């Protein structure tokens, strides 16, 4: 039997807040909730079988409204956010199907995420076990000291930008959980958890990295980019 692939959408936590009171996922971009963009992308991705959303406790009803409005039938569960990204993710795992073999983690605050991005991550995740989205920097680059003095010129194509989303195999996650329990560690992010397990990350090459909305200016820039796409 083929293992299923699940996506976990983070729409909760301080990294998903525009400010102390404004949750980015529920802002409007081009007359649509920010959250709706990644959900519709996952709905269109044939490799993704189910979706779980992590949201603030006081926003659960709004999430249901977005799901219904945009016909996001793959969403199986809405989970209240925990204190950290890692603990929120662990809470979600219990709601995925038993045959879930791969998980894609993404942030709602990156509405430029597309269905083909999800497909590329799933393909790379199945091959390597732990991948993050990446893009090679084509411009000239240099390694510099703290004073700005150039120390080296990296070879073309060896310096990449990277960010969420990421894709992780179930066995990699299980190994990380075992190591974390044995070492009595308390990682805040999935990246920290995977590093503790000694798992090597690979980068899945995307033709663009979805911009994260961090400021009001980002909101405008992302809106213009989505409108012209």
N, C-alpha and C. Protein backbone atom coordinates (compact mmCIF):
# COMPACT_ATOMS: atom_id res chain seq x y z
N UNK A 1 0.84 -1.20 0.00
CA UNK A 1 0.00 0.00 0.00
C UNK A 1 0.88 1.25 0.00
N UNK A 2 0.54 2.22 -0.84
CA UNK A 2 1.31 3.45 -0.93
C UNK A 2 1.05 4.34 0.28
N UNK A 3 2.13 4.84 0.88
CA UNK A 3 1.99 5.72 2.04
C UNK A 3 1.40 7.05 1.60
N UNK A 4 0.58 7.64 2.47
CA UNK A 4 -0.05 8.92 2.15
C UNK A 4 0.84 10.08 2.55
N UNK A 5 0.55 11.24 1.99
CA UNK A 5 1.29 12.47 2.29
C UNK A 5 0.33 13.49 2.88
N UNK A 6 0.76 14.09 3.98
CA UNK A 6 -0.07 15.07 4.68
C UNK A 6 0.65 16.40 4.78
N UNK A 7 -0.11 17.47 4.76
CA UNK A 7 0.43 18.82 4.96
C UNK A 7 -0.06 19.38 6.27
N UNK A 8 0.83 20.05 6.98
CA UNK A 8 0.47 20.73 8.22
C UNK A 8 0.72 22.22 8.02
N UNK A 9 -0.33 23.01 8.14
CA UNK A 9 -0.27 24.45 7.90
C UNK A 9 -0.23 25.17 9.25
N UNK A 10 0.83 25.94 9.47
CA UNK A 10 0.98 26.69 10.71
C UNK A 10 0.36 28.08 10.54
N UNK A 11 -0.72 28.35 11.25
CA UNK A 11 -1.37 29.65 11.21
C UNK A 11 -1.45 30.25 12.61
N UNK A 12 -0.55 29.81 13.47
CA UNK A 12 -0.56 30.22 14.87
C UNK A 12 0.86 30.39 15.37
N UNK A 13 1.04 31.18 16.41
CA UNK A 13 2.37 31.40 16.99
C UNK A 13 2.89 32.79 16.67
N UNK A 14 3.88 33.23 17.43
CA UNK A 14 4.37 34.61 17.28
C UNK A 14 5.01 34.86 15.93
N UNK A 15 5.54 33.82 15.28
CA UNK A 15 6.13 33.99 13.96
C UNK A 15 5.06 34.19 12.89
N UNK A 16 3.81 33.92 13.24
CA UNK A 16 2.70 34.11 12.30
C UNK A 16 1.85 35.33 12.68
N UNK A 17 2.43 36.22 13.46
CA UNK A 17 1.74 37.44 13.88
C UNK A 17 2.38 38.65 13.21
N UNK A 18 1.54 39.52 12.64
CA UNK A 18 2.05 40.76 12.04
C UNK A 18 2.47 41.72 13.14
N UNK A 19 1.71 41.71 14.23
CA UNK A 19 2.07 42.45 15.43
C UNK A 19 1.46 41.70 16.61
N UNK A 20 1.46 42.31 17.79
CA UNK A 20 1.02 41.61 19.00
C UNK A 20 -0.44 41.16 18.94
N UNK A 21 -1.25 41.79 18.09
CA UNK A 21 -2.68 41.49 18.06
C UNK A 21 -3.19 40.99 16.71
N UNK A 22 -2.33 40.97 15.70
CA UNK A 22 -2.79 40.67 14.34
C UNK A 22 -2.20 39.38 13.82
N UNK A 23 -3.06 38.38 13.61
CA UNK A 23 -2.63 37.09 13.08
C UNK A 23 -2.64 37.17 11.55
N UNK A 24 -1.49 36.98 10.94
CA UNK A 24 -1.32 37.20 9.50
C UNK A 24 -2.27 36.35 8.67
N UNK A 25 -2.52 35.13 9.08
CA UNK A 25 -3.34 34.20 8.28
C UNK A 25 -4.74 34.72 8.00
N UNK A 26 -5.22 35.64 8.83
CA UNK A 26 -6.60 36.10 8.69
C UNK A 26 -6.72 37.51 8.14
N UNK A 27 -5.58 38.05 7.70
CA UNK A 27 -5.60 39.31 6.98
C UNK A 27 -6.07 39.06 5.55
N UNK A 28 -6.41 40.13 4.85
CA UNK A 28 -6.89 40.01 3.48
C UNK A 28 -5.83 40.45 2.49
N UNK A 29 -5.62 39.63 1.47
CA UNK A 29 -4.75 39.97 0.34
C UNK A 29 -5.56 39.81 -0.94
N UNK A 30 -5.73 40.89 -1.66
CA UNK A 30 -6.54 40.86 -2.89
C UNK A 30 -7.94 40.28 -2.62
N UNK A 31 -8.53 40.73 -1.52
CA UNK A 31 -9.90 40.35 -1.14
C UNK A 31 -10.06 38.87 -0.80
N UNK A 32 -8.94 38.24 -0.39
CA UNK A 32 -8.99 36.86 0.07
C UNK A 32 -8.21 36.74 1.37
N UNK A 33 -8.65 35.87 2.29
CA UNK A 33 -7.85 35.63 3.50
C UNK A 33 -6.50 35.02 3.13
N UNK A 34 -5.44 35.46 3.78
CA UNK A 34 -4.10 34.93 3.51
C UNK A 34 -4.10 33.41 3.60
N UNK A 35 -4.78 32.87 4.59
CA UNK A 35 -4.82 31.41 4.80
C UNK A 35 -5.36 30.67 3.58
N UNK A 36 -6.26 31.27 2.85
CA UNK A 36 -6.92 30.57 1.75
C UNK A 36 -5.96 30.20 0.62
N UNK A 37 -4.87 30.97 0.47
CA UNK A 37 -3.97 30.73 -0.66
C UNK A 37 -3.25 29.38 -0.55
N UNK A 38 -2.66 29.10 0.60
CA UNK A 38 -1.94 27.83 0.73
C UNK A 38 -2.92 26.66 0.75
N UNK A 39 -4.12 26.86 1.29
CA UNK A 39 -5.09 25.77 1.33
C UNK A 39 -5.56 25.39 -0.08
N UNK A 40 -5.80 26.38 -0.93
CA UNK A 40 -6.22 26.07 -2.29
C UNK A 40 -5.06 25.46 -3.09
N UNK A 41 -3.83 25.87 -2.79
CA UNK A 41 -2.66 25.26 -3.45
C UNK A 41 -2.57 23.78 -3.09
N UNK A 42 -2.75 23.46 -1.82
CA UNK A 42 -2.70 22.06 -1.39
C UNK A 42 -3.86 21.27 -1.97
N UNK A 43 -5.01 21.91 -2.10
CA UNK A 43 -6.18 21.25 -2.69
C UNK A 43 -5.90 20.84 -4.13
N UNK A 44 -5.11 21.63 -4.84
CA UNK A 44 -4.81 21.36 -6.25
C UNK A 44 -3.63 20.40 -6.43
N UNK A 45 -2.91 20.11 -5.35
CA UNK A 45 -1.72 19.26 -5.46
C UNK A 45 -2.13 17.78 -5.34
N UNK A 46 -1.98 17.00 -6.39
CA UNK A 46 -2.43 15.60 -6.33
C UNK A 46 -1.64 14.72 -5.36
N UNK A 47 -0.41 15.15 -5.02
CA UNK A 47 0.42 14.34 -4.12
C UNK A 47 0.04 14.47 -2.65
N UNK A 48 -0.76 15.48 -2.30
CA UNK A 48 -1.15 15.71 -0.91
C UNK A 48 -2.52 15.10 -0.65
N UNK A 49 -2.59 14.24 0.36
CA UNK A 49 -3.83 13.51 0.65
C UNK A 49 -4.68 14.15 1.74
N UNK A 50 -4.03 14.77 2.72
CA UNK A 50 -4.77 15.35 3.83
C UNK A 50 -4.06 16.57 4.37
N UNK A 51 -4.83 17.45 5.02
CA UNK A 51 -4.29 18.70 5.56
C UNK A 51 -4.76 18.89 6.99
N UNK A 52 -3.85 19.32 7.85
CA UNK A 52 -4.17 19.69 9.23
C UNK A 52 -3.73 21.13 9.42
N UNK A 53 -4.57 21.93 10.07
CA UNK A 53 -4.26 23.34 10.28
C UNK A 53 -4.06 23.61 11.76
N UNK A 54 -2.97 24.30 12.09
CA UNK A 54 -2.70 24.75 13.46
C UNK A 54 -3.10 26.22 13.54
N UNK A 55 -4.04 26.54 14.41
CA UNK A 55 -4.57 27.91 14.48
C UNK A 55 -4.75 28.34 15.93
N UNK A 56 -4.82 29.65 16.18
CA UNK A 56 -5.09 30.12 17.54
C UNK A 56 -6.46 29.63 18.03
N UNK A 57 -6.57 29.40 19.32
CA UNK A 57 -7.82 28.87 19.88
C UNK A 57 -9.01 29.76 19.58
N UNK A 58 -8.78 31.08 19.54
CA UNK A 58 -9.90 32.00 19.31
C UNK A 58 -10.19 32.25 17.83
N UNK A 59 -9.52 31.48 16.94
CA UNK A 59 -9.72 31.67 15.50
C UNK A 59 -10.23 30.41 14.81
N UNK A 60 -10.57 29.39 15.56
CA UNK A 60 -10.95 28.12 14.96
C UNK A 60 -12.19 28.24 14.08
N UNK A 61 -13.17 29.03 14.50
CA UNK A 61 -14.38 29.20 13.70
C UNK A 61 -14.08 29.92 12.39
N UNK A 62 -13.14 30.87 12.43
CA UNK A 62 -12.75 31.56 11.21
C UNK A 62 -12.09 30.61 10.22
N UNK A 63 -11.31 29.68 10.75
CA UNK A 63 -10.68 28.69 9.88
C UNK A 63 -11.74 27.86 9.18
N UNK A 64 -12.75 27.44 9.92
CA UNK A 64 -13.84 26.66 9.33
C UNK A 64 -14.52 27.44 8.22
N UNK A 65 -14.71 28.73 8.42
CA UNK A 65 -15.34 29.57 7.40
C UNK A 65 -14.50 29.62 6.12
N UNK A 66 -13.18 29.74 6.28
CA UNK A 66 -12.29 29.77 5.12
C UNK A 66 -12.34 28.44 4.38
N UNK A 67 -12.32 27.36 5.11
CA UNK A 67 -12.38 26.02 4.51
C UNK A 67 -13.65 25.85 3.68
N UNK A 68 -14.76 26.27 4.24
CA UNK A 68 -16.04 26.12 3.55
C UNK A 68 -16.14 27.05 2.35
N UNK A 69 -15.66 28.28 2.49
CA UNK A 69 -15.77 29.26 1.42
C UNK A 69 -14.97 28.87 0.19
N UNK A 70 -13.79 28.23 0.41
CA UNK A 70 -12.91 27.92 -0.70
C UNK A 70 -12.87 26.44 -1.05
N UNK A 71 -13.79 25.66 -0.47
CA UNK A 71 -13.92 24.26 -0.84
C UNK A 71 -12.69 23.42 -0.60
N UNK A 72 -12.11 23.58 0.58
CA UNK A 72 -10.86 22.87 0.91
C UNK A 72 -11.20 21.52 1.55
N UNK A 73 -11.50 20.55 0.72
CA UNK A 73 -12.02 19.27 1.20
C UNK A 73 -10.94 18.37 1.80
N UNK A 74 -9.67 18.69 1.57
CA UNK A 74 -8.60 17.86 2.13
C UNK A 74 -8.34 18.13 3.60
N UNK A 75 -8.86 19.23 4.13
CA UNK A 75 -8.63 19.56 5.54
C UNK A 75 -9.38 18.57 6.42
N UNK A 76 -8.62 17.87 7.28
CA UNK A 76 -9.22 16.83 8.13
C UNK A 76 -9.35 17.27 9.59
N UNK A 77 -8.51 18.23 10.01
CA UNK A 77 -8.52 18.61 11.43
C UNK A 77 -7.96 20.01 11.60
N UNK A 78 -8.52 20.73 12.57
CA UNK A 78 -7.98 22.03 12.98
C UNK A 78 -7.53 21.88 14.42
N UNK A 79 -6.26 22.16 14.67
CA UNK A 79 -5.66 21.92 15.99
C UNK A 79 -5.23 23.24 16.62
N UNK A 80 -5.59 23.50 17.88
CA UNK A 80 -5.11 24.73 18.54
C UNK A 80 -3.60 24.73 18.66
N UNK A 81 -2.98 25.88 18.45
CA UNK A 81 -1.53 26.00 18.51
C UNK A 81 -0.98 25.76 19.89
N UNK A 82 0.20 25.14 19.95
CA UNK A 82 0.91 24.91 21.21
C UNK A 82 1.96 26.01 21.39
N UNK A 83 2.85 25.83 22.36
CA UNK A 83 3.83 26.88 22.67
C UNK A 83 4.93 27.01 21.63
N UNK A 84 5.26 25.92 20.94
CA UNK A 84 6.35 25.96 19.95
C UNK A 84 5.91 25.28 18.67
N UNK A 85 6.66 25.54 17.61
CA UNK A 85 6.39 24.89 16.33
C UNK A 85 6.48 23.37 16.46
N UNK A 86 7.51 22.90 17.17
CA UNK A 86 7.70 21.46 17.28
C UNK A 86 6.56 20.79 18.05
N UNK A 87 6.14 21.38 19.16
CA UNK A 87 5.06 20.78 19.94
C UNK A 87 3.73 20.84 19.18
N UNK A 88 3.50 21.90 18.43
CA UNK A 88 2.30 21.99 17.59
C UNK A 88 2.30 20.88 16.55
N UNK A 89 3.45 20.66 15.93
CA UNK A 89 3.58 19.62 14.92
C UNK A 89 3.32 18.25 15.52
N UNK A 90 3.91 17.99 16.68
CA UNK A 90 3.71 16.69 17.35
C UNK A 90 2.24 16.46 17.68
N UNK A 91 1.53 17.52 18.07
CA UNK A 91 0.10 17.39 18.36
C UNK A 91 -0.69 17.00 17.12
N UNK A 92 -0.22 17.45 15.96
CA UNK A 92 -0.93 17.16 14.72
C UNK A 92 -0.77 15.72 14.26
N UNK A 93 0.37 15.11 14.57
CA UNK A 93 0.66 13.78 14.04
C UNK A 93 -0.40 12.75 14.42
N UNK A 94 -1.00 12.91 15.58
CA UNK A 94 -1.99 11.92 16.03
C UNK A 94 -3.27 11.92 15.19
N UNK A 95 -3.48 12.99 14.42
CA UNK A 95 -4.70 13.10 13.62
C UNK A 95 -4.49 12.67 12.16
N UNK A 96 -3.25 12.40 11.78
CA UNK A 96 -2.98 11.92 10.42
C UNK A 96 -3.30 10.44 10.32
N UNK A 97 -3.55 9.97 9.11
CA UNK A 97 -3.83 8.55 8.91
C UNK A 97 -2.62 7.70 9.31
N UNK A 98 -2.88 6.46 9.69
CA UNK A 98 -1.81 5.56 10.13
C UNK A 98 -0.79 5.31 9.02
N UNK A 99 -1.23 5.42 7.76
CA UNK A 99 -0.32 5.14 6.66
C UNK A 99 0.45 6.39 6.20
N UNK A 100 0.33 7.49 6.93
CA UNK A 100 1.03 8.72 6.55
C UNK A 100 2.54 8.50 6.60
N UNK A 101 3.19 8.68 5.47
CA UNK A 101 4.63 8.43 5.41
C UNK A 101 5.46 9.68 5.20
N UNK A 102 4.80 10.78 4.82
CA UNK A 102 5.51 12.03 4.56
C UNK A 102 4.65 13.20 5.00
N UNK A 103 5.31 14.21 5.60
CA UNK A 103 4.60 15.41 6.06
C UNK A 103 5.26 16.65 5.46
N UNK A 104 4.43 17.54 4.97
CA UNK A 104 4.89 18.84 4.47
C UNK A 104 4.46 19.90 5.49
N UNK A 105 5.42 20.66 5.98
CA UNK A 105 5.12 21.73 6.94
C UNK A 105 5.26 23.07 6.23
N UNK A 106 4.22 23.90 6.30
CA UNK A 106 4.31 25.21 5.70
C UNK A 106 3.60 26.25 6.57
N UNK A 107 3.96 27.50 6.33
CA UNK A 107 3.39 28.62 7.07
C UNK A 107 2.29 29.29 6.26
N UNK A 108 1.19 29.60 6.92
CA UNK A 108 0.09 30.29 6.24
C UNK A 108 0.52 31.66 5.74
N UNK A 109 1.52 32.24 6.37
CA UNK A 109 1.97 33.59 6.04
C UNK A 109 2.80 33.67 4.76
N UNK A 110 2.85 32.57 3.99
CA UNK A 110 3.52 32.56 2.69
C UNK A 110 2.47 32.24 1.61
N UNK A 111 1.60 33.21 1.29
CA UNK A 111 0.50 32.92 0.35
C UNK A 111 0.95 32.68 -1.09
N UNK A 112 2.22 32.92 -1.40
CA UNK A 112 2.72 32.64 -2.74
C UNK A 112 3.03 31.18 -2.97
N UNK A 113 2.84 30.34 -1.95
CA UNK A 113 3.06 28.90 -2.07
C UNK A 113 2.10 28.33 -3.11
N UNK A 114 2.63 27.48 -4.01
CA UNK A 114 1.84 26.97 -5.12
C UNK A 114 1.76 25.45 -5.10
N UNK A 115 0.83 24.92 -5.87
CA UNK A 115 0.67 23.47 -5.95
C UNK A 115 1.92 22.79 -6.47
N UNK A 116 2.60 23.41 -7.45
CA UNK A 116 3.82 22.78 -7.97
C UNK A 116 4.96 22.84 -6.97
N UNK A 117 4.94 23.82 -6.05
CA UNK A 117 5.92 23.84 -4.96
C UNK A 117 5.72 22.61 -4.07
N UNK A 118 4.46 22.34 -3.74
CA UNK A 118 4.16 21.17 -2.91
C UNK A 118 4.61 19.89 -3.60
N UNK A 119 4.36 19.77 -4.90
CA UNK A 119 4.76 18.58 -5.65
C UNK A 119 6.27 18.37 -5.61
N UNK A 120 7.02 19.46 -5.80
CA UNK A 120 8.48 19.37 -5.78
C UNK A 120 9.00 18.96 -4.41
N UNK A 121 8.39 19.49 -3.35
CA UNK A 121 8.81 19.13 -2.00
C UNK A 121 8.50 17.67 -1.68
N UNK A 122 7.33 17.21 -2.10
CA UNK A 122 6.96 15.82 -1.86
C UNK A 122 7.93 14.87 -2.57
N UNK A 123 8.24 15.18 -3.81
CA UNK A 123 9.17 14.34 -4.58
C UNK A 123 10.54 14.28 -3.91
N UNK A 124 11.07 15.44 -3.51
CA UNK A 124 12.39 15.48 -2.87
C UNK A 124 12.35 14.85 -1.49
N UNK A 125 11.26 15.08 -0.75
CA UNK A 125 11.13 14.51 0.59
C UNK A 125 11.13 13.00 0.58
N UNK A 126 10.44 12.40 -0.38
CA UNK A 126 10.40 10.94 -0.48
C UNK A 126 11.79 10.37 -0.82
N UNK A 127 12.57 11.15 -1.55
CA UNK A 127 13.89 10.69 -1.97
C UNK A 127 14.93 10.84 -0.86
N UNK A 128 14.90 11.97 -0.15
CA UNK A 128 15.98 12.29 0.79
C UNK A 128 15.58 12.20 2.27
N UNK A 129 14.31 12.25 2.59
CA UNK A 129 13.88 12.11 3.98
C UNK A 129 13.65 13.41 4.70
N UNK A 130 14.46 14.42 4.44
CA UNK A 130 14.31 15.71 5.11
C UNK A 130 14.77 16.81 4.16
N UNK A 131 13.84 17.63 3.70
CA UNK A 131 14.19 18.69 2.74
C UNK A 131 13.51 20.00 3.13
N UNK A 132 14.15 21.11 2.72
CA UNK A 132 13.55 22.43 2.83
C UNK A 132 13.57 23.09 1.46
N UNK A 133 12.71 24.06 1.28
CA UNK A 133 12.66 24.79 0.02
C UNK A 133 13.93 25.61 -0.14
N UNK A 134 14.48 25.62 -1.34
CA UNK A 134 15.71 26.37 -1.58
C UNK A 134 15.75 26.96 -2.97
N UNK A 135 16.63 27.94 -3.12
CA UNK A 135 16.83 28.58 -4.42
C UNK A 135 18.27 29.06 -4.51
N UNK A 136 18.96 28.64 -5.57
CA UNK A 136 20.34 29.06 -5.76
C UNK A 136 20.42 30.56 -6.03
N UNK A 137 21.40 31.22 -5.43
CA UNK A 137 21.62 32.64 -5.66
C UNK A 137 22.47 32.79 -6.92
N UNK A 138 21.92 33.44 -7.91
CA UNK A 138 22.60 33.55 -9.21
C UNK A 138 23.56 34.74 -9.24
N UNK A 139 23.35 35.73 -8.38
CA UNK A 139 24.23 36.90 -8.35
C UNK A 139 25.60 36.52 -7.78
N UNK A 140 26.58 37.38 -7.99
CA UNK A 140 27.90 37.18 -7.39
C UNK A 140 27.77 37.24 -5.87
N UNK A 141 28.46 36.34 -5.17
CA UNK A 141 28.41 36.30 -3.72
C UNK A 141 29.83 36.26 -3.15
N UNK A 142 29.94 36.63 -1.88
CA UNK A 142 31.24 36.60 -1.20
C UNK A 142 31.03 36.28 0.27
N UNK A 143 31.98 35.59 0.87
CA UNK A 143 31.99 35.38 2.30
C UNK A 143 32.82 36.49 2.91
N UNK A 144 32.26 37.15 3.94
CA UNK A 144 32.96 38.30 4.51
C UNK A 144 33.11 38.13 6.02
N UNK A 145 34.06 38.85 6.58
CA UNK A 145 34.27 38.86 8.03
C UNK A 145 33.27 39.82 8.67
N UNK A 146 33.28 39.90 9.99
CA UNK A 146 32.39 40.81 10.70
C UNK A 146 32.66 42.27 10.35
N UNK A 147 33.87 42.54 9.90
CA UNK A 147 34.22 43.91 9.53
C UNK A 147 33.89 44.23 8.07
N UNK A 148 33.40 43.21 7.33
CA UNK A 148 33.06 43.42 5.93
C UNK A 148 34.16 43.08 4.96
N UNK A 149 35.29 42.60 5.45
CA UNK A 149 36.40 42.22 4.57
C UNK A 149 36.08 40.91 3.86
N UNK A 150 36.29 40.86 2.55
CA UNK A 150 36.02 39.65 1.77
C UNK A 150 37.05 38.58 2.09
N UNK A 151 36.55 37.38 2.46
CA UNK A 151 37.43 36.27 2.80
C UNK A 151 37.46 35.19 1.74
N UNK A 152 36.37 35.06 0.98
CA UNK A 152 36.33 34.03 -0.04
C UNK A 152 35.20 34.32 -1.02
N UNK A 153 35.33 33.76 -2.23
CA UNK A 153 34.29 33.87 -3.26
C UNK A 153 33.75 32.47 -3.53
N UNK A 154 32.55 32.17 -3.03
CA UNK A 154 32.00 30.82 -3.24
C UNK A 154 31.81 30.52 -4.73
N UNK A 155 31.94 29.26 -5.05
CA UNK A 155 31.73 28.82 -6.43
C UNK A 155 30.27 29.04 -6.81
N UNK A 156 30.05 29.42 -8.04
CA UNK A 156 28.69 29.69 -8.52
C UNK A 156 27.78 28.48 -8.27
N UNK A 157 26.60 28.75 -7.73
CA UNK A 157 25.63 27.68 -7.49
C UNK A 157 25.77 26.98 -6.16
N UNK A 158 26.75 27.37 -5.33
CA UNK A 158 26.95 26.70 -4.04
C UNK A 158 26.34 27.48 -2.87
N UNK A 159 25.85 28.69 -3.13
CA UNK A 159 25.18 29.49 -2.08
C UNK A 159 23.70 29.55 -2.43
N UNK A 160 22.88 29.12 -1.48
CA UNK A 160 21.44 29.06 -1.69
C UNK A 160 20.70 29.82 -0.59
N UNK A 161 19.55 30.33 -0.93
CA UNK A 161 18.59 30.81 0.06
C UNK A 161 17.70 29.61 0.43
N UNK A 162 17.24 29.56 1.68
CA UNK A 162 16.32 28.47 2.05
C UNK A 162 15.31 28.97 3.07
N UNK A 163 14.21 28.26 3.19
CA UNK A 163 13.17 28.63 4.15
C UNK A 163 12.16 27.50 4.21
N UNK A 164 11.19 27.62 5.11
CA UNK A 164 10.01 26.77 5.01
C UNK A 164 9.33 27.13 3.70
N UNK A 165 8.59 26.17 3.13
CA UNK A 165 8.14 24.89 3.65
C UNK A 165 9.24 23.81 3.65
N UNK A 166 8.97 22.75 4.40
CA UNK A 166 9.85 21.59 4.43
C UNK A 166 9.02 20.31 4.32
N UNK A 167 9.70 19.22 3.97
CA UNK A 167 9.04 17.91 3.89
C UNK A 167 9.88 16.91 4.66
N UNK A 168 9.20 16.07 5.46
CA UNK A 168 9.89 15.12 6.33
C UNK A 168 9.20 13.76 6.29
N UNK A 169 10.01 12.71 6.18
CA UNK A 169 9.48 11.36 6.24
C UNK A 169 9.11 11.00 7.68
N UNK A 170 8.13 10.12 7.80
CA UNK A 170 7.69 9.67 9.13
C UNK A 170 8.83 9.03 9.91
N UNK A 171 9.68 8.21 9.26
CA UNK A 171 10.74 7.53 10.00
C UNK A 171 11.79 8.53 10.51
N UNK A 172 11.99 9.62 9.79
CA UNK A 172 12.91 10.67 10.26
C UNK A 172 12.34 11.34 11.50
N UNK A 173 11.04 11.61 11.48
CA UNK A 173 10.38 12.22 12.63
C UNK A 173 10.40 11.29 13.85
N UNK A 174 10.16 10.01 13.61
CA UNK A 174 10.18 9.04 14.71
C UNK A 174 11.57 8.94 15.34
N UNK A 175 12.60 8.95 14.50
CA UNK A 175 13.97 8.91 15.00
C UNK A 175 14.27 10.15 15.84
N UNK A 176 13.83 11.31 15.34
CA UNK A 176 14.07 12.55 16.08
C UNK A 176 13.37 12.52 17.44
N UNK A 177 12.14 12.03 17.47
CA UNK A 177 11.39 11.97 18.72
C UNK A 177 12.08 11.07 19.73
N UNK A 178 12.63 9.95 19.25
CA UNK A 178 13.34 9.02 20.13
C UNK A 178 14.60 9.66 20.72
N UNK A 179 15.37 10.35 19.87
CA UNK A 179 16.59 11.01 20.33
C UNK A 179 16.27 12.12 21.31
N UNK A 180 15.24 12.89 21.02
CA UNK A 180 14.84 14.01 21.90
C UNK A 180 14.43 13.49 23.27
N UNK A 181 13.71 12.39 23.30
CA UNK A 181 13.29 11.81 24.57
C UNK A 181 14.49 11.28 25.35
N UNK A 182 15.41 10.62 24.65
CA UNK A 182 16.58 10.05 25.32
C UNK A 182 17.50 11.13 25.86
N UNK A 183 17.69 12.19 25.10
CA UNK A 183 18.59 13.26 25.51
C UNK A 183 17.90 14.33 26.36
N UNK A 184 16.57 14.17 26.55
CA UNK A 184 15.78 15.11 27.35
C UNK A 184 15.94 16.55 26.85
N UNK A 185 15.80 16.68 25.53
CA UNK A 185 15.88 17.98 24.89
C UNK A 185 14.49 18.56 24.69
N UNK A 186 14.43 19.85 24.41
CA UNK A 186 13.16 20.53 24.21
C UNK A 186 13.27 21.49 23.01
N UNK A 187 13.34 20.94 21.79
CA UNK A 187 13.51 21.80 20.62
C UNK A 187 12.28 22.68 20.38
N UNK A 188 12.51 23.86 19.87
CA UNK A 188 11.40 24.77 19.58
C UNK A 188 10.89 24.60 18.16
N UNK A 189 11.78 24.24 17.24
CA UNK A 189 11.40 24.11 15.84
C UNK A 189 11.69 22.70 15.32
N UNK A 190 11.06 22.38 14.21
CA UNK A 190 11.32 21.08 13.59
C UNK A 190 12.75 21.00 13.08
N UNK A 191 13.28 22.10 12.60
CA UNK A 191 14.66 22.11 12.14
C UNK A 191 15.61 21.72 13.26
N UNK A 192 15.39 22.27 14.45
CA UNK A 192 16.22 21.91 15.61
C UNK A 192 16.07 20.43 15.93
N UNK A 193 14.84 19.92 15.87
CA UNK A 193 14.58 18.52 16.21
C UNK A 193 15.30 17.58 15.25
N UNK A 194 15.25 17.89 13.96
CA UNK A 194 15.89 17.03 12.97
C UNK A 194 17.40 17.09 13.11
N UNK A 195 17.94 18.26 13.42
CA UNK A 195 19.39 18.40 13.64
C UNK A 195 19.83 17.54 14.83
N UNK A 196 19.02 17.52 15.89
CA UNK A 196 19.36 16.72 17.07
C UNK A 196 19.47 15.23 16.72
N UNK A 197 18.67 14.81 15.75
CA UNK A 197 18.68 13.41 15.34
C UNK A 197 19.83 13.09 14.40
N UNK A 198 20.59 14.12 14.00
CA UNK A 198 21.71 13.91 13.11
C UNK A 198 21.32 13.67 11.66
N UNK A 199 20.08 14.04 11.31
CA UNK A 199 19.60 13.86 9.94
C UNK A 199 20.07 15.01 9.05
N UNK A 200 20.58 14.68 7.91
CA UNK A 200 21.04 15.70 6.96
C UNK A 200 19.86 16.28 6.20
N UNK A 201 19.79 17.61 6.15
CA UNK A 201 18.79 18.28 5.34
C UNK A 201 19.31 18.45 3.92
N UNK A 202 18.41 18.30 2.96
CA UNK A 202 18.70 18.66 1.57
C UNK A 202 17.79 19.83 1.20
N UNK A 203 18.14 20.53 0.13
CA UNK A 203 17.30 21.61 -0.37
C UNK A 203 16.60 21.17 -1.64
N UNK A 204 15.30 21.40 -1.68
CA UNK A 204 14.51 21.12 -2.88
C UNK A 204 14.46 22.40 -3.71
N UNK A 205 14.99 22.36 -4.91
CA UNK A 205 15.09 23.56 -5.74
C UNK A 205 13.71 24.00 -6.25
N UNK A 206 13.31 25.20 -5.84
CA UNK A 206 12.08 25.81 -6.35
C UNK A 206 12.47 27.00 -7.23
N UNK A 207 11.63 27.32 -8.20
CA UNK A 207 11.97 28.46 -9.04
C UNK A 207 11.68 29.80 -8.36
N UNK A 208 11.05 29.72 -7.20
CA UNK A 208 10.85 30.91 -6.37
C UNK A 208 10.67 30.45 -4.93
N UNK A 209 11.02 31.30 -3.97
CA UNK A 209 10.73 31.02 -2.56
C UNK A 209 9.57 31.91 -2.15
N UNK A 210 8.46 31.32 -1.72
CA UNK A 210 7.30 32.13 -1.33
C UNK A 210 7.67 33.12 -0.23
N UNK A 211 7.38 34.39 -0.47
CA UNK A 211 7.72 35.44 0.49
C UNK A 211 6.85 35.34 1.73
N UNK A 212 7.47 35.49 2.88
CA UNK A 212 6.74 35.47 4.15
C UNK A 212 6.28 36.89 4.49
N UNK A 213 5.03 37.03 4.89
CA UNK A 213 4.50 38.33 5.29
C UNK A 213 4.91 38.58 6.74
N UNK A 214 5.77 39.56 6.93
CA UNK A 214 6.26 39.92 8.26
C UNK A 214 5.83 41.33 8.65
N UNK A 215 5.69 42.20 7.65
CA UNK A 215 5.33 43.60 7.89
C UNK A 215 4.17 43.99 6.98
N UNK A 216 3.59 45.15 7.26
CA UNK A 216 2.51 45.67 6.41
C UNK A 216 3.01 45.91 4.99
N UNK A 217 4.25 46.30 4.85
CA UNK A 217 4.83 46.50 3.51
C UNK A 217 4.89 45.18 2.76
N UNK A 218 5.22 44.10 3.47
CA UNK A 218 5.24 42.78 2.83
C UNK A 218 3.85 42.42 2.31
N UNK A 219 2.83 42.80 3.07
CA UNK A 219 1.44 42.50 2.69
C UNK A 219 1.15 43.12 1.33
N UNK A 220 1.55 44.36 1.13
CA UNK A 220 1.33 45.04 -0.15
C UNK A 220 2.15 44.39 -1.26
N UNK A 221 3.42 44.07 -0.97
CA UNK A 221 4.28 43.48 -2.00
C UNK A 221 3.77 42.13 -2.45
N UNK A 222 3.34 41.31 -1.50
CA UNK A 222 2.81 39.99 -1.83
C UNK A 222 1.52 40.12 -2.63
N UNK A 223 0.70 41.08 -2.26
CA UNK A 223 -0.55 41.31 -2.99
C UNK A 223 -0.30 41.64 -4.45
N UNK A 224 0.67 42.51 -4.70
CA UNK A 224 1.01 42.88 -6.08
C UNK A 224 1.56 41.67 -6.85
N UNK A 225 2.41 40.88 -6.18
CA UNK A 225 3.01 39.71 -6.82
C UNK A 225 1.93 38.69 -7.20
N UNK A 226 0.98 38.45 -6.29
CA UNK A 226 -0.08 37.48 -6.56
C UNK A 226 -1.01 37.97 -7.67
N UNK A 227 -1.25 39.27 -7.70
CA UNK A 227 -2.14 39.82 -8.71
C UNK A 227 -1.55 39.72 -10.11
N UNK A 228 -0.21 39.77 -10.20
CA UNK A 228 0.44 39.73 -11.50
C UNK A 228 0.86 38.32 -11.92
N UNK A 229 0.68 37.35 -11.02
CA UNK A 229 1.10 35.97 -11.33
C UNK A 229 0.18 35.34 -12.37
